[in-house]
Protein backbone atom coordinates (compact mmCIF):
# COMPACT_ATOMS: atom_id res chain seq x y z
CA MET A 1 73.27 8.87 52.10
CA LYS A 2 74.63 12.43 52.10
CA ALA A 3 78.12 11.03 51.62
CA VAL A 4 76.89 8.89 48.76
CA GLN A 5 75.31 11.89 47.08
CA LYS A 6 78.55 13.81 47.46
CA ASN A 7 80.56 11.00 45.91
CA LYS A 8 78.14 10.73 43.00
CA ASN A 9 79.15 14.25 42.07
CA GLY A 10 82.90 13.56 42.11
CA LEU A 11 84.67 10.64 40.42
CA ALA A 12 87.99 11.82 41.86
CA SER A 13 86.60 11.41 45.37
CA ILE A 14 85.40 7.88 44.60
CA PHE A 15 88.80 6.93 43.18
CA SER A 16 90.76 8.39 46.10
CA LYS A 17 88.51 7.14 48.93
CA GLY A 18 87.31 3.87 47.45
CA ASP A 19 88.88 0.44 47.85
CA ILE A 20 90.74 -1.54 45.20
CA PHE A 21 87.51 -2.74 43.59
CA SER A 22 86.22 0.83 43.33
CA LYS A 23 89.42 1.79 41.54
CA LEU A 24 89.32 -1.24 39.24
CA SER A 25 85.71 -0.45 38.35
CA PHE A 26 87.04 2.57 36.46
CA LEU A 27 88.50 0.03 34.00
CA ILE A 28 86.16 -2.92 34.47
CA MET A 29 82.59 -1.69 34.58
CA GLY A 30 80.37 -3.45 37.10
CA LEU A 31 83.24 -5.05 39.08
CA ALA A 32 82.39 -3.17 42.27
CA ASN A 33 78.74 -4.24 41.93
CA ILE A 34 79.63 -7.90 41.40
CA VAL A 35 81.92 -7.95 44.45
CA ARG A 36 79.15 -6.47 46.64
CA GLY A 37 76.60 -9.05 45.54
CA GLN A 38 74.86 -7.15 42.72
CA ILE A 39 75.72 -9.85 40.21
CA VAL A 40 73.13 -9.15 37.52
CA LYS A 41 73.65 -5.38 37.57
CA GLY A 42 77.41 -5.80 37.44
CA ILE A 43 77.20 -8.25 34.52
CA LEU A 44 74.93 -5.84 32.63
CA PHE A 45 77.44 -3.01 33.09
CA LEU A 46 80.26 -5.31 32.00
CA ALA A 47 78.27 -6.45 28.94
CA ILE A 48 77.73 -2.83 27.94
CA GLU A 49 81.46 -2.18 28.18
CA ILE A 50 82.35 -5.27 26.14
CA GLY A 51 79.70 -4.39 23.55
CA TYR A 52 81.04 -0.84 23.23
CA ILE A 53 84.63 -2.06 22.84
CA LEU A 54 83.60 -4.54 20.12
CA PHE A 55 81.56 -1.84 18.41
CA MET A 56 84.50 0.56 18.38
CA VAL A 57 86.95 -2.10 17.16
CA LYS A 58 84.72 -3.32 14.32
CA VAL A 59 82.94 -0.14 13.23
CA GLY A 60 83.32 2.92 15.44
CA ALA A 61 87.07 3.54 15.18
CA HIS A 62 86.90 3.24 11.39
CA TYR A 63 84.27 5.97 11.05
CA LEU A 64 85.94 8.22 13.61
CA ALA A 65 89.14 8.00 11.57
CA LYS A 66 87.19 8.71 8.36
CA LEU A 67 85.56 11.68 10.07
CA VAL A 68 88.85 13.57 9.93
CA THR A 69 88.85 13.75 6.12
CA LEU A 70 85.22 12.82 5.29
CA GLY A 71 86.54 10.43 2.69
CA THR A 72 89.49 10.33 0.29
CA GLU A 73 88.34 8.15 -2.60
CA GLY A 74 85.67 9.61 -4.83
CA GLN A 75 83.33 7.77 -7.15
CA GLY A 76 84.89 6.87 -10.49
CA MET A 77 85.14 4.37 -13.34
CA VAL A 78 87.50 1.38 -13.12
CA PHE A 79 88.18 -1.37 -15.63
CA ASP A 80 86.80 -4.79 -14.62
CA GLU A 81 89.10 -7.34 -16.27
CA SER A 82 86.71 -10.23 -15.60
CA GLN A 83 83.92 -8.52 -17.57
CA GLY A 84 86.11 -6.53 -19.92
CA ILE A 85 84.18 -3.30 -19.27
CA TYR A 86 84.40 -0.19 -17.15
CA VAL A 87 82.27 -0.24 -13.99
CA ILE A 88 81.49 2.36 -11.35
CA SER A 89 83.72 2.34 -8.28
CA GLN A 90 81.57 3.61 -5.43
CA GLY A 91 84.38 5.09 -3.33
CA ASP A 92 83.61 7.01 -0.14
CA ASN A 93 80.37 8.76 0.70
CA SER A 94 81.06 11.91 2.75
CA MET A 95 77.43 12.24 3.83
CA LEU A 96 77.32 8.72 5.31
CA ILE A 97 80.78 9.09 6.85
CA LEU A 98 79.65 12.25 8.64
CA LEU A 99 76.38 10.64 9.73
CA TYR A 100 78.05 7.49 11.04
CA GLY A 101 80.77 9.55 12.70
CA VAL A 102 78.17 11.60 14.54
CA ALA A 103 76.36 8.40 15.56
CA VAL A 104 79.64 7.03 16.96
CA MET A 105 80.24 10.24 18.93
CA VAL A 106 76.72 10.18 20.37
CA THR A 107 77.10 6.47 21.23
CA THR A 108 80.39 7.28 22.96
CA ALA A 109 78.74 10.06 24.97
CA VAL A 110 75.99 7.66 26.08
CA PHE A 111 78.63 5.09 27.01
CA VAL A 112 80.56 7.65 29.09
CA PHE A 113 77.36 8.47 30.97
CA THR A 114 76.74 4.76 31.58
CA TRP A 115 80.38 4.31 32.69
CA ARG A 116 79.99 7.08 35.25
CA THR A 117 76.69 5.60 36.43
CA SER A 118 78.34 2.20 36.96
CA ILE A 119 81.10 3.74 39.08
CA CYS A 120 78.61 5.65 41.23
CA SER A 121 76.44 2.53 41.54
CA GLY A 122 79.43 0.47 42.73
CA GLU A 123 80.38 3.16 45.25
CA LEU A 124 76.82 3.24 46.59
CA ALA A 125 76.94 -0.52 47.10
CA ARG A 126 80.30 -0.20 48.90
CA GLN A 127 79.00 2.43 51.29
CA LEU A 128 75.89 0.40 52.03
CA LYS A 129 78.16 -2.53 52.91
CA LEU A 130 80.27 -0.35 55.18
CA ALA A 131 77.14 0.87 56.94
CA ASN A 132 75.98 -2.74 57.44
CA LYS A 133 72.90 -2.06 55.33
CA ARG A 134 71.29 -4.36 52.83
CA VAL A 135 72.58 -4.03 49.29
CA PRO A 136 69.56 -4.25 46.94
CA ASN A 137 69.64 -7.06 44.40
CA PHE A 138 68.47 -6.88 40.78
CA ILE A 139 64.87 -7.75 41.64
CA ALA A 140 64.78 -5.03 44.30
CA ASP A 141 66.18 -2.51 41.78
CA CYS A 142 63.50 -3.49 39.27
CA LYS A 143 60.79 -2.99 41.89
CA GLU A 144 62.22 0.45 42.66
CA LEU A 145 61.86 1.34 38.97
CA PHE A 146 58.10 0.88 39.34
CA ASN A 147 58.01 2.65 42.69
CA SER A 148 60.26 5.51 43.83
CA ASN A 149 62.30 5.56 40.62
CA ILE A 150 59.39 5.33 38.21
CA HIS A 151 60.28 8.77 36.85
CA ARG A 152 63.49 7.29 35.45
CA LEU A 153 61.60 4.47 33.80
CA LEU A 154 59.05 6.83 32.26
CA LEU A 155 61.75 9.20 31.01
CA ALA A 156 63.89 6.45 29.48
CA ILE A 157 61.93 6.09 26.21
CA PRO A 158 61.58 9.86 25.60
CA ALA A 159 65.28 10.27 26.37
CA VAL A 160 66.21 7.65 23.77
CA GLY A 161 63.90 9.33 21.26
CA ILE A 162 65.48 12.73 21.90
CA ILE A 163 68.98 11.31 21.46
CA VAL A 164 68.13 9.47 18.24
CA PHE A 165 65.72 11.87 16.55
CA THR A 166 66.78 15.28 17.91
CA ILE A 167 70.34 15.43 19.24
CA THR A 168 71.99 13.26 16.56
CA PRO A 169 70.39 15.07 13.56
CA LEU A 170 71.06 18.42 15.23
CA ILE A 171 74.78 17.69 15.64
CA TYR A 172 74.88 16.41 12.06
CA MET A 173 73.29 19.59 10.67
CA ILE A 174 75.56 21.82 12.77
CA LEU A 175 78.68 20.07 11.49
CA ILE A 176 77.53 20.52 7.87
CA ALA A 177 77.97 24.29 8.39
CA PHE A 178 81.72 23.68 8.62
CA THR A 179 81.95 21.76 5.32
CA ASN A 180 81.66 22.61 1.62
CA TYR A 181 78.58 20.39 1.14
CA ASP A 182 77.01 22.32 -1.74
CA ALA A 183 75.73 21.74 -5.26
CA GLU A 184 79.24 21.02 -6.54
CA HIS A 185 80.07 18.53 -3.81
CA GLN A 186 77.17 16.09 -3.85
CA PRO A 187 77.89 12.56 -2.62
CA PRO A 188 78.30 9.86 -3.73
CA GLY A 189 79.52 11.40 -7.00
CA ASN A 190 81.72 13.97 -5.27
CA LEU A 191 83.20 14.24 -1.81
CA PHE A 192 82.88 17.22 0.50
CA THR A 193 85.35 18.16 3.19
CA TRP A 194 85.90 20.45 6.18
CA VAL A 195 86.34 24.17 5.49
CA GLY A 196 86.22 25.52 9.04
CA LEU A 197 84.56 28.93 9.39
CA GLU A 198 84.69 29.71 5.66
CA ASN A 199 80.89 29.64 5.24
CA PHE A 200 80.39 32.09 8.10
CA LYS A 201 83.09 34.38 6.72
CA MET A 202 81.37 34.49 3.33
CA LEU A 203 78.01 35.28 4.94
CA LEU A 204 79.24 37.91 7.38
CA SER A 205 81.91 39.61 5.27
CA ALA A 206 81.49 43.12 3.89
CA SER A 207 81.92 42.10 0.26
CA GLY A 208 80.65 39.45 -2.14
CA LYS A 209 77.24 38.58 -3.52
CA LEU A 210 76.51 36.18 -0.68
CA SER A 211 77.02 38.75 2.07
CA ALA A 212 75.23 41.35 -0.08
CA THR A 213 72.22 39.05 0.15
CA PHE A 214 72.59 37.99 3.77
CA TRP A 215 72.60 41.46 5.36
CA PRO A 216 69.50 42.83 3.55
CA VAL A 217 67.62 39.60 4.25
CA LEU A 218 68.68 39.76 7.92
CA GLY A 219 67.55 43.39 8.12
CA TRP A 220 64.13 42.58 6.63
CA THR A 221 63.86 39.60 9.00
CA PHE A 222 64.24 41.96 11.97
CA ILE A 223 61.81 44.50 10.52
CA TRP A 224 59.28 41.78 9.79
CA GLY A 225 59.71 40.15 13.21
CA PHE A 226 59.19 43.31 15.24
CA THR A 227 56.44 44.75 13.00
CA ALA A 228 54.47 41.50 12.77
CA THR A 229 54.74 40.88 16.51
CA PHE A 230 53.81 44.30 17.86
CA SER A 231 51.21 45.14 15.21
CA CYS A 232 49.31 41.95 16.09
CA TYR A 233 49.88 42.55 19.81
CA PHE A 234 48.53 46.10 19.92
CA GLY A 235 45.88 45.34 17.29
CA GLY A 236 44.61 42.41 19.33
CA MET A 237 44.76 44.49 22.50
CA PHE A 238 42.71 47.30 20.93
CA LEU A 239 40.19 44.84 19.52
CA ALA A 240 39.80 43.04 22.86
CA MET A 241 39.29 46.31 24.75
CA LEU A 242 36.78 47.47 22.16
CA ILE A 243 34.75 44.27 22.33
CA ASN A 244 34.87 44.24 26.14
CA SER A 245 33.65 47.84 26.40
CA LYS A 246 30.41 48.25 28.34
CA GLY A 247 28.57 49.87 25.44
CA ILE A 248 29.21 47.03 22.98
CA ALA A 249 26.32 44.58 22.51
CA GLY A 250 26.72 40.98 21.37
CA LYS A 251 30.21 40.44 22.74
CA LYS A 252 30.03 36.67 22.23
CA ILE A 253 29.02 37.09 18.60
CA TRP A 254 31.92 39.45 17.89
CA ARG A 255 34.41 37.10 19.53
CA THR A 256 33.01 34.17 17.53
CA VAL A 257 33.38 36.07 14.26
CA PHE A 258 37.06 36.68 14.86
CA VAL A 259 37.69 33.16 16.15
CA ILE A 260 36.33 31.73 12.88
CA THR A 261 39.47 33.00 11.13
CA MET A 262 41.46 30.71 13.44
CA ALA A 263 39.32 27.71 12.53
CA ILE A 264 40.42 27.87 8.87
CA PRO A 265 43.92 26.41 8.24
CA THR A 266 46.30 29.34 7.92
CA PHE A 267 48.01 28.14 4.76
CA ILE A 268 44.64 27.91 2.96
CA SER A 269 43.75 31.47 3.95
CA LEU A 270 47.16 32.73 2.82
CA LEU A 271 46.94 30.98 -0.54
CA VAL A 272 43.46 32.40 -1.15
CA VAL A 273 44.52 35.92 -0.19
CA SER A 274 47.64 35.62 -2.35
CA THR A 275 45.44 34.74 -5.34
CA MET A 276 43.08 37.61 -4.60
CA LEU A 277 45.97 40.10 -4.44
CA GLY A 278 47.65 38.86 -7.62
CA LYS A 279 48.11 40.97 -10.72
CA ARG A 280 44.91 39.51 -12.19
CA GLY A 281 43.33 38.85 -8.81
CA ILE A 282 39.82 39.83 -7.84
CA ILE A 283 40.89 42.91 -5.86
CA ASN A 284 42.81 44.48 -8.75
CA VAL A 285 40.06 43.58 -11.20
CA LEU A 286 37.32 45.14 -9.04
CA LEU A 287 39.34 48.29 -8.32
CA GLU A 288 39.88 48.75 -12.04
CA GLN A 289 36.22 48.11 -12.92
CA TRP A 290 35.07 50.59 -10.28
CA GLY A 291 37.41 53.22 -11.68
CA PHE A 292 39.68 53.60 -8.66
CA ILE A 293 42.83 52.60 -10.56
CA ASP A 294 44.06 52.72 -14.15
CA SER A 295 46.67 49.96 -13.83
CA PHE A 296 47.00 46.98 -11.58
CA LEU A 297 48.47 47.61 -8.12
CA PRO A 298 51.69 45.60 -7.49
CA PHE A 299 50.58 44.11 -4.17
CA LEU A 300 52.96 41.16 -4.50
CA THR A 301 55.18 42.10 -7.43
CA GLU A 302 57.05 45.15 -6.11
CA GLY A 303 59.38 45.03 -3.12
CA LEU A 304 57.94 47.69 -0.79
CA TRP A 305 54.34 46.90 -1.76
CA ALA A 306 54.89 43.20 -1.09
CA LYS A 307 56.46 43.84 2.32
CA ILE A 308 53.61 46.10 3.42
CA THR A 309 51.07 43.62 2.05
CA VAL A 310 52.40 40.62 4.00
CA ILE A 311 52.48 42.69 7.20
CA ILE A 312 48.83 43.73 6.74
CA VAL A 313 47.71 40.20 5.86
CA ASN A 314 49.55 38.89 8.91
CA LEU A 315 47.33 41.15 11.03
CA TRP A 316 44.32 39.14 9.88
CA VAL A 317 46.04 35.94 10.93
CA GLY A 318 47.57 37.11 14.22
CA VAL A 319 45.18 39.65 15.72
CA PRO A 320 42.43 37.13 16.68
CA VAL A 321 44.94 35.05 18.67
CA THR A 322 46.09 38.07 20.65
CA MET A 323 42.50 39.24 21.05
CA LEU A 324 41.48 36.00 22.76
CA MET A 325 44.51 36.05 25.07
CA VAL A 326 44.07 39.69 26.05
CA THR A 327 40.34 39.15 26.64
CA GLY A 328 41.15 36.60 29.32
CA ILE A 329 43.65 38.98 30.92
CA LEU A 330 41.21 41.89 30.92
CA MET A 331 38.64 39.77 32.73
CA ASN A 332 41.17 39.06 35.49
CA ILE A 333 42.30 42.61 36.21
CA PRO A 334 40.95 43.47 39.68
CA ALA A 335 37.97 45.81 39.35
CA GLU A 336 39.08 47.57 42.55
CA LEU A 337 42.02 49.09 40.68
CA TYR A 338 39.68 50.83 38.23
CA GLU A 339 37.30 51.95 40.98
CA SER A 340 40.16 53.52 42.93
CA ALA A 341 41.43 55.23 39.79
CA ARG A 342 37.98 56.69 39.04
CA ILE A 343 37.70 58.02 42.58
CA ASP A 344 41.08 59.71 42.11
CA GLY A 345 39.78 61.35 38.95
CA ALA A 346 41.62 59.23 36.36
CA GLY A 347 40.16 59.11 32.86
CA PRO A 348 40.06 56.17 30.41
CA LEU A 349 43.44 57.06 28.87
CA MET A 350 45.11 57.41 32.26
CA MET A 351 43.66 54.09 33.45
CA PHE A 352 44.96 52.39 30.32
CA ARG A 353 48.45 53.84 30.82
CA LYS A 354 48.66 53.13 34.53
CA ILE A 355 46.61 49.96 34.98
CA THR A 356 45.55 48.08 31.85
CA PHE A 357 48.71 48.24 29.77
CA PRO A 358 51.22 47.64 32.61
CA TYR A 359 49.17 44.66 33.79
CA MET A 360 48.94 43.14 30.32
CA TRP A 361 52.61 43.88 29.60
CA PHE A 362 53.64 42.10 32.80
CA ILE A 363 51.55 39.03 32.03
CA THR A 364 52.30 38.78 28.32
CA THR A 365 56.06 39.45 28.26
CA PRO A 366 56.99 35.74 27.89
CA TYR A 367 54.35 35.40 25.16
CA LEU A 368 55.72 38.45 23.33
CA ILE A 369 59.27 37.09 23.42
CA THR A 370 58.11 33.70 22.17
CA ASN A 371 55.96 35.27 19.46
CA LEU A 372 58.80 37.55 18.35
CA ILE A 373 61.17 34.60 17.90
CA SER A 374 58.38 32.71 16.14
CA ASN A 375 57.92 35.60 13.71
CA PHE A 376 61.66 35.70 12.98
CA ASN A 377 61.14 32.13 11.78
CA ASN A 378 57.64 32.60 10.36
CA PHE A 379 57.98 30.46 7.26
CA GLY A 380 54.28 30.11 6.41
CA VAL A 381 53.14 33.70 5.87
CA ILE A 382 56.04 34.65 3.59
CA TYR A 383 56.21 31.36 1.71
CA PHE A 384 52.49 31.01 0.96
CA MET A 385 51.92 34.71 0.27
CA THR A 386 54.91 35.68 -1.87
CA GLY A 387 57.30 32.72 -1.95
CA GLY A 388 59.99 35.28 -1.09
CA ASN A 389 59.30 37.20 -4.32
CA PRO A 390 59.65 39.60 -6.02
CA SER A 391 63.04 38.36 -7.14
CA ASN A 392 66.21 40.42 -7.01
CA ILE A 393 68.90 39.78 -9.62
CA ASN A 394 71.52 41.18 -7.26
CA PHE A 395 70.74 38.56 -4.62
CA PHE A 396 72.43 35.18 -4.28
CA LYS A 397 70.73 32.13 -5.85
CA GLY A 398 67.03 32.92 -5.91
CA ALA A 399 66.67 35.02 -2.77
CA GLY A 400 63.80 37.50 -3.09
CA LYS A 401 62.97 40.88 -1.60
CA THR A 402 60.49 39.45 0.94
CA ASP A 403 62.56 36.40 1.90
CA LEU A 404 63.30 35.91 5.57
CA LEU A 405 66.41 34.04 6.63
CA VAL A 406 64.30 30.92 7.16
CA THR A 407 62.69 31.03 3.70
CA TRP A 408 66.03 31.73 2.07
CA LEU A 409 67.47 28.81 3.99
CA TYR A 410 64.71 26.63 2.55
CA LYS A 411 65.52 27.75 -0.99
CA LEU A 412 69.21 27.05 -0.47
CA THR A 413 68.44 23.45 0.45
CA LYS A 414 65.53 22.69 -1.88
CA ASP A 415 66.54 24.58 -5.01
CA SER A 416 70.31 25.06 -5.04
CA LYS A 417 71.38 22.27 -2.64
CA ASP A 418 73.77 24.56 -0.73
CA TYR A 419 73.39 22.65 2.51
CA ASN A 420 76.51 24.16 4.03
CA LEU A 421 75.24 27.73 3.70
CA ALA A 422 71.76 26.74 4.88
CA SER A 423 73.23 25.09 7.96
CA ALA A 424 75.39 28.16 8.70
CA ILE A 425 72.34 30.42 8.39
CA GLY A 426 70.43 28.09 10.71
CA ILE A 427 73.16 28.42 13.35
CA ILE A 428 73.13 32.21 13.01
CA ILE A 429 69.33 32.26 13.42
CA PHE A 430 69.63 30.13 16.55
CA ILE A 431 72.32 32.35 18.07
CA ILE A 432 70.34 35.53 17.39
CA SER A 433 67.11 34.02 18.75
CA ALA A 434 68.74 32.54 21.85
CA VAL A 435 70.71 35.66 22.78
CA PHE A 436 67.76 37.96 22.17
CA SER A 437 65.38 35.75 24.17
CA LEU A 438 67.74 35.46 27.14
CA ILE A 439 68.46 39.20 27.25
CA MET A 440 64.82 40.25 26.92
CA TYR A 441 63.48 37.73 29.40
CA SER A 442 66.18 38.44 31.98
CA ARG A 443 65.26 42.14 31.84
CA SER A 444 61.49 41.61 31.95
CA GLY A 445 59.28 42.22 34.94
CA ALA A 446 57.92 38.68 34.63
CA LEU A 447 61.31 37.40 35.83
CA LYS A 448 62.33 40.20 38.19
CA ASN A 449 58.98 40.23 39.98
CA GLU A 450 57.84 36.61 39.95
CA GLU A 451 55.55 37.16 42.92
CA GLY A 452 53.06 39.11 40.85
CA PHE A 453 52.06 42.44 39.41
CA GLN A 454 52.24 45.35 41.79
């Protein structure tokens, strides 16, 4: 069985060491299985191969060829002699060509995996024959699916779902970043085509209105991400330590009060707060009536004010979550550590610096990284509070002073239909998030010291 496992990892080894049927199975799927008595399995592999070939001949090859240009004939008017009028000629549809092309590529990848599986399956049957062992038939294989191989059966449906609903759309959206699929190239009326890295060059260049929007929005995205993450983290930590202090009565009541904010849907809270902080909102009205201000405060209508406002409001949303998490951690810190520190003469501040904070930092590092990436893509707070406003006439197509990359991406798709730029921004967000997460986690104590906090 060790030899079989080794062969499964190398098709070259199977081809060089196998017999004539093993070699022919590279061209005729299932042949090696049929020769060794696995008739049904071999026929199924062969049927898959025949089906794939027919699919490619009738449909697949056509769309792969079209994928090179994404269509050449646009929609137009042609004269119908039979009716004596001009009618619409549909022409090509670049969007469908790209979608079908991606589907063909994914289907081909699945077929290649199945082709490799058939070769390995035939080689396993050959080795079992050489070892004078029983080659399992189709019924025996089916029984194994409900026994030792049940994990494969249970993973089959989720795997198909991931391929159809995650991988295929993801590839499609990535490829759009390399086209000119924008408001001026909307199928079926107009075709779009490949432009290579042009969209990324426009975003990352040092000149142009598009790059003059991208870099400020990226900078604010970083500021927002770090500020929102660590303000909620340290705010929740302080609140949890305060509530868990020995002199505080009614700890359960205090925790319940803060948890109530989590019970209300976040978007409802944000919409209500946004209304309250508006130019004619209740807060401005009351401050004016009480004589604290002479004119309305621009909580959401001036750039710096709006940025500070959304950060403060985010504290209300995020602090209770961190408070609950930190409360659980505080309850699990060994009391012996504090007792030893008191004996050594350490005060509350020293115990926090040497025991509490290092312990919480060690435990919560993965959470912090995840929360930081989540805040980089925190669509809800910005969208429901400010909608990305206030607007900036120097920014590209509706981007506002509080827009994050993710909210600007949404506007590019919903309002201006610049799908190519939105897709390029999405790729940049993914690269930044992935690189940052990998670097931070690889340097964290949670990875370097997996055995536990020392």
